[in-house]
N, C-alpha and C. Protein backbone atom coordinates (compact mmCIF):
# COMPACT_ATOMS: atom_id res chain seq x y z
N MET A 1 13.08 0.62 85.68
CA MET A 1 12.11 1.24 84.77
C MET A 1 12.83 2.11 83.73
N GLU A 2 13.76 2.88 84.23
CA GLU A 2 14.48 3.78 83.34
C GLU A 2 15.28 3.00 82.30
N TYR A 3 15.86 1.87 82.68
CA TYR A 3 16.64 1.04 81.77
C TYR A 3 15.76 0.46 80.66
N LYS A 4 14.56 0.05 80.99
CA LYS A 4 13.65 -0.52 79.99
C LYS A 4 13.25 0.52 78.94
N ILE A 5 13.07 1.74 79.36
CA ILE A 5 12.71 2.80 78.41
C ILE A 5 13.88 3.06 77.46
N ASN A 6 15.10 3.08 77.99
CA ASN A 6 16.26 3.31 77.15
C ASN A 6 16.43 2.19 76.11
N VAL A 7 16.19 0.96 76.52
CA VAL A 7 16.30 -0.16 75.58
C VAL A 7 15.24 -0.04 74.50
N LYS A 8 14.04 0.39 74.89
CA LYS A 8 12.96 0.55 73.91
C LYS A 8 13.33 1.63 72.89
N TYR A 9 13.84 2.75 73.35
CA TYR A 9 14.23 3.82 72.43
C TYR A 9 15.42 3.41 71.57
N ARG A 10 16.34 2.66 72.15
CA ARG A 10 17.50 2.21 71.40
C ARG A 10 17.07 1.29 70.26
N LYS A 11 16.14 0.40 70.51
CA LYS A 11 15.64 -0.49 69.46
C LYS A 11 14.94 0.30 68.36
N ILE A 12 14.18 1.29 68.75
CA ILE A 12 13.48 2.12 67.76
C ILE A 12 14.49 2.89 66.91
N LEU A 13 15.50 3.47 67.54
CA LEU A 13 16.53 4.21 66.80
C LEU A 13 17.32 3.29 65.87
N LEU A 14 17.67 2.11 66.35
CA LEU A 14 18.39 1.17 65.50
C LEU A 14 17.55 0.72 64.31
N SER A 15 16.27 0.50 64.52
CA SER A 15 15.41 0.09 63.41
C SER A 15 15.25 1.21 62.38
N ILE A 16 15.18 2.45 62.85
CA ILE A 16 15.07 3.59 61.93
C ILE A 16 16.36 3.74 61.11
N ILE A 17 17.50 3.62 61.78
CA ILE A 17 18.79 3.73 61.08
C ILE A 17 18.94 2.60 60.07
N LEU A 18 18.56 1.40 60.45
CA LEU A 18 18.64 0.26 59.55
C LEU A 18 17.72 0.46 58.33
N LEU A 19 16.54 0.99 58.57
CA LEU A 19 15.61 1.26 57.48
C LEU A 19 16.17 2.30 56.51
N ILE A 20 16.80 3.33 57.06
CA ILE A 20 17.39 4.37 56.22
C ILE A 20 18.54 3.81 55.39
N LEU A 21 19.32 2.90 55.98
CA LEU A 21 20.43 2.31 55.26
C LEU A 21 19.96 1.32 54.18
N LEU A 22 18.87 0.61 54.42
CA LEU A 22 18.40 -0.39 53.47
C LEU A 22 17.47 0.18 52.40
N LEU A 23 16.98 1.38 52.58
CA LEU A 23 16.06 1.98 51.62
C LEU A 23 16.67 2.13 50.21
N PRO A 24 17.91 2.61 50.06
CA PRO A 24 18.49 2.68 48.71
C PRO A 24 18.63 1.30 48.06
N LEU A 25 18.91 0.29 48.87
CA LEU A 25 19.02 -1.07 48.34
C LEU A 25 17.68 -1.55 47.80
N LEU A 26 16.61 -1.23 48.50
CA LEU A 26 15.28 -1.62 48.03
C LEU A 26 14.92 -0.91 46.73
N THR A 27 15.28 0.34 46.60
CA THR A 27 14.96 1.06 45.36
C THR A 27 15.76 0.51 44.19
N LEU A 28 17.00 0.06 44.46
CA LEU A 28 17.80 -0.56 43.39
C LEU A 28 17.18 -1.86 42.94
N ILE A 29 16.67 -2.64 43.88
CA ILE A 29 16.05 -3.92 43.52
C ILE A 29 14.78 -3.67 42.70
N LYS A 30 14.02 -2.67 43.05
CA LYS A 30 12.80 -2.36 42.29
C LYS A 30 13.13 -1.83 40.90
N ALA A 31 14.28 -1.17 40.74
CA ALA A 31 14.65 -0.59 39.45
C ALA A 31 15.14 -1.64 38.46
N LEU A 32 15.51 -2.81 38.94
CA LEU A 32 15.97 -3.86 38.02
C LEU A 32 14.82 -4.34 37.15
N PRO A 33 15.10 -4.68 35.90
CA PRO A 33 14.01 -5.15 35.03
C PRO A 33 13.47 -6.49 35.51
N SER A 34 12.16 -6.62 35.45
CA SER A 34 11.53 -7.84 35.93
C SER A 34 11.71 -8.98 34.93
N LYS A 35 11.73 -8.65 33.65
CA LYS A 35 11.91 -9.67 32.62
C LYS A 35 13.39 -9.69 32.20
N PRO A 36 13.93 -10.84 31.85
CA PRO A 36 15.31 -10.85 31.35
C PRO A 36 15.39 -10.13 30.01
N LEU A 37 16.53 -9.53 29.78
CA LEU A 37 16.70 -8.76 28.54
C LEU A 37 16.69 -9.70 27.34
N ALA A 38 16.08 -9.24 26.27
CA ALA A 38 15.99 -10.06 25.05
C ALA A 38 17.38 -10.15 24.41
N ARG A 39 17.66 -11.29 23.88
CA ARG A 39 18.94 -11.50 23.21
C ARG A 39 18.88 -10.88 21.82
N ILE A 40 19.85 -10.06 21.52
CA ILE A 40 19.89 -9.41 20.22
C ILE A 40 20.58 -10.36 19.25
N GLU A 41 19.89 -10.67 18.18
CA GLU A 41 20.45 -11.59 17.16
C GLU A 41 21.36 -10.78 16.26
N SER A 42 22.60 -11.18 16.19
CA SER A 42 23.58 -10.48 15.38
C SER A 42 23.42 -10.84 13.91
N PRO A 43 23.51 -9.86 13.02
CA PRO A 43 23.44 -10.18 11.59
C PRO A 43 24.67 -10.97 11.13
N CYS A 44 25.73 -10.98 11.94
CA CYS A 44 26.92 -11.74 11.57
C CYS A 44 26.68 -13.24 11.69
N ARG A 45 25.67 -13.65 12.42
CA ARG A 45 25.38 -15.07 12.58
C ARG A 45 24.56 -15.63 11.42
N LYS A 46 24.04 -14.75 10.60
CA LYS A 46 23.20 -15.19 9.47
C LYS A 46 23.88 -14.79 8.17
N GLY A 47 23.86 -15.66 7.21
CA GLY A 47 24.40 -15.32 5.90
C GLY A 47 25.60 -16.15 5.53
N LEU A 48 26.11 -15.90 4.34
CA LEU A 48 27.27 -16.62 3.82
C LEU A 48 28.54 -15.97 4.34
N VAL A 49 29.52 -16.80 4.65
CA VAL A 49 30.78 -16.29 5.20
C VAL A 49 31.87 -16.41 4.13
N ARG A 50 32.59 -15.32 3.95
CA ARG A 50 33.72 -15.30 3.03
C ARG A 50 34.94 -14.85 3.82
N THR A 51 36.01 -15.62 3.78
CA THR A 51 37.22 -15.25 4.51
C THR A 51 38.15 -14.48 3.60
N VAL A 52 38.87 -13.54 4.18
CA VAL A 52 39.82 -12.72 3.42
C VAL A 52 41.17 -12.83 4.12
N GLN A 53 42.17 -13.34 3.42
CA GLN A 53 43.53 -13.43 3.96
C GLN A 53 44.26 -12.13 3.61
N HIS A 54 44.74 -11.43 4.63
CA HIS A 54 45.45 -10.19 4.38
C HIS A 54 46.88 -10.47 3.92
N LYS A 55 47.36 -9.66 3.03
CA LYS A 55 48.70 -9.86 2.47
C LYS A 55 49.76 -9.62 3.54
N HIS A 56 50.78 -10.45 3.54
CA HIS A 56 51.96 -10.32 4.39
C HIS A 56 51.65 -10.44 5.90
N THR A 57 50.48 -10.91 6.26
CA THR A 57 50.15 -11.10 7.68
C THR A 57 49.39 -12.41 7.83
N ASP A 58 49.27 -12.83 9.07
CA ASP A 58 48.49 -14.03 9.35
C ASP A 58 47.03 -13.67 9.71
N TYR A 59 46.71 -12.40 9.58
CA TYR A 59 45.38 -11.95 9.98
C TYR A 59 44.33 -12.35 8.95
N ILE A 60 43.26 -12.94 9.42
CA ILE A 60 42.15 -13.33 8.53
C ILE A 60 40.90 -12.60 9.02
N SER A 61 40.22 -11.93 8.12
CA SER A 61 38.96 -11.29 8.48
C SER A 61 37.82 -12.05 7.81
N PHE A 62 36.69 -11.98 8.43
CA PHE A 62 35.51 -12.68 7.93
C PHE A 62 34.50 -11.66 7.44
N ILE A 63 34.02 -11.86 6.25
CA ILE A 63 32.99 -10.99 5.69
C ILE A 63 31.73 -11.83 5.52
N VAL A 64 30.66 -11.36 6.14
CA VAL A 64 29.39 -12.07 6.05
C VAL A 64 28.51 -11.36 5.04
N ILE A 65 27.99 -12.12 4.10
CA ILE A 65 27.09 -11.55 3.09
C ILE A 65 25.67 -11.91 3.53
N THR A 66 24.88 -10.90 3.85
CA THR A 66 23.53 -11.13 4.34
C THR A 66 22.58 -11.43 3.19
N GLU A 67 21.33 -11.71 3.56
CA GLU A 67 20.31 -12.05 2.56
C GLU A 67 20.06 -10.89 1.60
N LYS A 68 20.24 -9.67 2.08
CA LYS A 68 19.99 -8.50 1.24
C LYS A 68 21.20 -8.13 0.38
N GLY A 69 22.27 -8.93 0.49
CA GLY A 69 23.46 -8.66 -0.30
C GLY A 69 24.42 -7.70 0.35
N LYS A 70 24.15 -7.32 1.57
CA LYS A 70 25.01 -6.38 2.27
C LYS A 70 26.21 -7.14 2.85
N GLU A 71 27.39 -6.55 2.79
CA GLU A 71 28.59 -7.19 3.31
C GLU A 71 28.94 -6.57 4.66
N LEU A 72 29.17 -7.42 5.64
CA LEU A 72 29.52 -6.97 6.98
C LEU A 72 30.84 -7.60 7.39
N ALA A 73 31.75 -6.79 7.90
CA ALA A 73 33.00 -7.32 8.44
C ALA A 73 32.72 -7.75 9.88
N CYS A 74 33.00 -9.02 10.17
CA CYS A 74 32.64 -9.57 11.48
C CYS A 74 33.82 -10.27 12.12
N LYS A 75 33.78 -10.29 13.44
CA LYS A 75 34.72 -11.10 14.20
C LYS A 75 34.02 -12.41 14.53
N ILE A 76 34.59 -13.49 14.12
CA ILE A 76 33.97 -14.79 14.40
C ILE A 76 34.92 -15.59 15.26
């Protein structure tokens, strides 16, 4: 009889400890966004591309001219 009571209490204690350990994991899962994040469209992907060769180096930079006439230095 005494052994059965100890097993019962041991199971209860183990379940409580397991619940305490898994509780932070559950809160992290709930904190994740339910919808996937929207993809941000880069202004470098739109517009005319003009390449600039730098003097005395092999480095080439790309300048994108947007619809509004704004020039952006981009890595392509």
